[in-house]
Amino acid sequence: MIKKKYLLLIITILIILVIDYLFFYKKILNYNNNLNYNNNFIVLTGGDNRVKKSLQIFFQIKNKNKNLFISGVGKGFNKKTLKKLTRQNLNNEKIIDCCIQIEGISRNTFSNAVESLKWVKSKEINSFVLLTNNYHMPRALLEFESIFKDIKITPYVFIDKNKIWWKKQINYISEYFKYKLTYFRINLLQF
């Protein structure tokens, strides 16, 4: 009798997890990219050439009052690296020197949010576009929205280009559990 209760409990938990994961999966596939005429951008490094893709978007913006914050760069990544990545763009050195800031302190999404908040306050920004991969965006938004009060965040996602189906699914499932842990840390531990 006790074994049946445990088995029923385990099956119920698994069903709830699968349903919850399907909602997460639907979320990561349904972001609508829209820059909303915003000139301020924060990109979280890692995964599938996020910096290169963000630079392409940033250099297409015609407004001269634009800002890009690259959060969580690795050792050796600096403005010289940016100049190499953007040498085909007109006035790239001038734009990099005036309008792009990089930081290498962050080592996770929470510290990305903390360092980004310092930058946003220093620039007196009231809205920005957050750029990251689609599977990472739910967790990134959780972290950012928990500390960015009264600042509008517009998500802009890059699609994971991993061609191997099972590797992509493992990545999504891993991110789902990170998302749930972040959700519980932010929402349950604050009471």
Protein backbone atom coordinates (compact mmCIF):
# COMPACT_ATOMS: atom_id res chain seq x y z
CA MET A 1 0.00 0.00 0.00
CA ILE A 2 2.78 2.42 0.93
CA LYS A 3 4.70 1.55 -2.24
CA LYS A 4 1.64 2.36 -4.36
CA LYS A 5 1.35 5.78 -2.69
CA TYR A 6 5.01 6.54 -3.42
CA LEU A 7 4.65 5.35 -6.98
CA LEU A 8 1.55 7.51 -7.46
CA LEU A 9 3.37 10.50 -5.96
CA ILE A 10 6.38 10.00 -8.26
CA ILE A 11 4.15 9.65 -11.32
CA THR A 12 2.22 12.81 -10.36
CA ILE A 13 5.45 14.77 -9.88
CA LEU A 14 6.77 13.57 -13.24
CA ILE A 15 3.55 14.56 -15.00
CA ILE A 16 3.67 18.02 -13.42
CA LEU A 17 7.32 18.42 -14.43
CA VAL A 18 6.62 17.40 -18.02
CA ILE A 19 3.67 19.80 -18.31
CA ASP A 20 5.67 22.62 -16.73
CA TYR A 21 8.60 21.92 -19.08
CA LEU A 22 6.25 22.08 -22.08
CA PHE A 23 5.14 25.57 -20.98
CA PHE A 24 8.81 26.57 -20.68
CA TYR A 25 9.55 25.07 -24.10
CA LYS A 26 6.66 26.98 -25.66
CA LYS A 27 7.91 30.18 -24.04
CA ILE A 28 11.43 29.89 -25.47
CA LEU A 29 10.08 29.29 -28.96
CA ASN A 30 7.58 32.18 -28.95
CA TYR A 31 9.55 35.36 -28.31
CA ASN A 32 8.78 38.16 -30.75
CA ASN A 33 11.93 40.13 -31.53
CA ASN A 34 11.22 43.83 -31.58
CA LEU A 35 13.73 46.58 -30.90
CA ASN A 36 10.93 49.10 -30.17
CA TYR A 37 13.15 51.94 -31.37
CA ASN A 38 15.35 51.43 -28.36
CA ASN A 39 18.96 52.60 -28.57
CA ASN A 40 20.26 50.88 -25.43
CA PHE A 41 21.36 47.26 -25.52
CA ILE A 42 22.73 44.71 -23.06
CA VAL A 43 24.10 41.43 -24.38
CA LEU A 44 24.90 38.48 -22.14
CA THR A 45 27.94 36.65 -23.47
CA GLY A 46 28.18 32.95 -24.10
CA GLY A 47 26.44 30.67 -26.53
CA ASP A 48 26.19 30.82 -30.29
CA ASN A 49 28.04 34.06 -31.18
CA ARG A 50 25.84 36.40 -29.14
CA VAL A 51 28.39 39.23 -29.26
CA LYS A 52 28.80 39.09 -33.06
CA LYS A 53 25.04 39.04 -33.57
CA SER A 54 24.56 41.92 -31.13
CA LEU A 55 27.21 43.99 -32.87
CA GLN A 56 25.44 43.49 -36.20
CA ILE A 57 22.22 44.80 -34.70
CA PHE A 58 23.97 47.64 -32.89
CA PHE A 59 25.80 48.91 -35.96
CA GLN A 60 22.55 48.94 -37.96
CA ILE A 61 21.02 51.47 -35.54
CA LYS A 62 21.34 54.90 -37.13
CA ASN A 63 20.78 56.96 -33.98
CA LYS A 64 24.06 58.43 -32.68
CA ASN A 65 22.85 58.25 -29.06
CA LYS A 66 23.14 54.49 -28.78
CA ASN A 67 24.76 52.35 -26.11
CA LEU A 68 25.82 48.71 -25.90
CA PHE A 69 26.90 46.92 -22.73
CA ILE A 70 28.58 43.55 -23.19
CA SER A 71 28.32 41.67 -19.91
CA GLY A 72 30.49 38.75 -18.83
CA VAL A 73 33.30 38.74 -21.39
CA GLY A 74 36.10 36.24 -21.01
CA LYS A 75 39.74 36.95 -20.34
CA GLY A 76 41.44 38.56 -23.32
CA PHE A 77 38.25 40.02 -24.79
CA ASN A 78 38.69 43.79 -25.06
CA LYS A 79 38.03 46.77 -27.32
CA LYS A 80 40.74 45.57 -29.74
CA THR A 81 38.69 42.38 -30.14
CA LEU A 82 35.62 44.50 -30.88
CA LYS A 83 37.51 46.50 -33.49
CA LYS A 84 38.54 43.28 -35.26
CA LEU A 85 34.95 42.01 -35.18
CA THR A 86 33.58 45.26 -36.65
CA ARG A 87 36.30 46.42 -39.04
CA GLN A 88 33.85 46.25 -41.99
CA ASN A 89 31.63 48.91 -40.33
CA LEU A 90 32.04 52.59 -41.05
CA ASN A 91 33.40 54.56 -38.04
CA ASN A 92 33.70 51.36 -36.01
CA GLU A 93 36.56 52.60 -33.79
CA LYS A 94 34.78 55.85 -32.98
CA ILE A 95 31.52 54.03 -32.16
CA ILE A 96 33.31 51.41 -30.04
CA ASP A 97 35.16 54.10 -28.07
CA CYS A 98 32.09 56.21 -27.39
CA CYS A 99 29.21 53.80 -27.19
CA ILE A 100 30.27 50.27 -26.21
CA GLN A 101 31.31 49.18 -22.75
CA ILE A 102 32.47 45.71 -21.78
CA GLU A 103 32.81 44.05 -18.39
CA GLY A 104 34.46 40.81 -17.41
CA ILE A 105 33.46 40.51 -13.76
CA SER A 106 30.22 38.57 -14.33
CA ARG A 107 30.38 34.80 -14.21
CA ASN A 108 26.66 33.95 -14.19
CA THR A 109 23.29 35.45 -15.06
CA PHE A 110 22.77 36.95 -11.60
CA SER A 111 26.09 38.80 -11.71
CA ASN A 112 25.27 39.88 -15.31
CA ALA A 113 22.18 41.57 -13.91
CA VAL A 114 24.07 43.21 -11.03
CA GLU A 115 26.82 44.60 -13.29
CA SER A 116 24.28 45.67 -15.91
CA LEU A 117 22.32 47.59 -13.28
CA LYS A 118 25.45 49.59 -12.41
CA TRP A 119 25.87 50.49 -16.09
CA VAL A 120 22.19 51.39 -16.53
CA LYS A 121 22.33 53.70 -13.50
CA SER A 122 25.56 55.33 -14.68
CA LYS A 123 23.95 56.09 -18.07
CA GLU A 124 20.57 57.06 -16.53
CA ILE A 125 18.81 54.64 -18.86
CA ASN A 126 15.11 53.89 -18.37
CA SER A 127 14.75 51.14 -20.99
CA PHE A 128 16.94 48.72 -22.88
CA VAL A 129 16.92 45.66 -25.11
CA LEU A 130 18.25 42.48 -23.49
CA LEU A 131 19.96 40.16 -25.99
CA THR A 132 20.62 36.48 -25.34
CA ASN A 133 19.68 33.04 -26.68
CA ASN A 134 16.02 32.01 -26.62
CA TYR A 135 16.59 29.18 -24.12
CA HIS A 136 18.42 31.57 -21.75
CA MET A 137 15.93 34.46 -21.94
CA PRO A 138 13.36 33.23 -19.36
CA ARG A 139 16.03 32.93 -16.67
CA ALA A 140 17.74 36.16 -17.75
CA LEU A 141 14.45 38.04 -17.51
CA LEU A 142 13.80 36.58 -14.06
CA GLU A 143 17.17 37.79 -12.81
CA PHE A 144 16.98 41.20 -14.47
CA GLU A 145 13.35 41.96 -13.59
CA SER A 146 13.99 41.07 -9.95
CA ILE A 147 16.51 43.92 -9.56
CA PHE A 148 15.60 46.37 -12.36
CA LYS A 149 12.69 48.26 -10.85
CA ASP A 150 10.86 50.78 -13.08
CA ILE A 151 13.14 50.05 -16.04
CA LYS A 152 11.60 48.63 -19.20
CA ILE A 153 13.33 45.51 -20.52
CA THR A 154 12.61 44.35 -24.07
CA PRO A 155 13.75 40.79 -24.80
CA TYR A 156 15.49 40.04 -28.10
CA VAL A 157 16.46 36.42 -28.63
CA PHE A 158 18.91 34.55 -30.78
CA ILE A 159 17.83 31.09 -31.86
CA ASP A 160 20.02 28.17 -30.86
CA LYS A 161 21.54 26.81 -34.08
CA ASN A 162 22.62 23.46 -32.66
CA LYS A 163 21.82 21.03 -35.46
CA ILE A 164 21.88 17.91 -33.30
CA TRP A 165 18.35 17.49 -31.95
CA TRP A 166 19.20 15.60 -28.76
CA LYS A 167 21.97 18.05 -27.79
CA LYS A 168 19.55 20.95 -28.18
CA GLN A 169 16.96 19.16 -26.02
CA ILE A 170 19.54 18.43 -23.30
CA ASN A 171 20.48 22.12 -23.38
CA TYR A 172 16.81 23.14 -23.07
CA ILE A 173 16.16 20.71 -20.22
CA SER A 174 19.28 21.88 -18.38
CA GLU A 175 18.17 25.49 -18.79
CA TYR A 176 14.67 24.59 -17.59
CA PHE A 177 16.07 23.33 -14.26
CA LYS A 178 18.31 26.42 -13.91
CA TYR A 179 15.24 28.56 -14.57
CA LYS A 180 13.22 26.72 -11.90
CA LEU A 181 16.03 27.06 -9.34
CA THR A 182 16.28 30.79 -10.10
CA TYR A 183 12.51 31.14 -9.83
CA PHE A 184 12.46 29.47 -6.41
CA ARG A 185 15.46 31.49 -5.19
CA ILE A 186 13.88 34.79 -6.22
CA ASN A 187 10.26 34.08 -5.27
CA LEU A 188 10.39 31.71 -2.33
CA LEU A 189 13.48 32.83 -0.45
CA GLN A 190 12.34 36.47 -0.28
CA PHE A 191 9.51 35.72 2.15
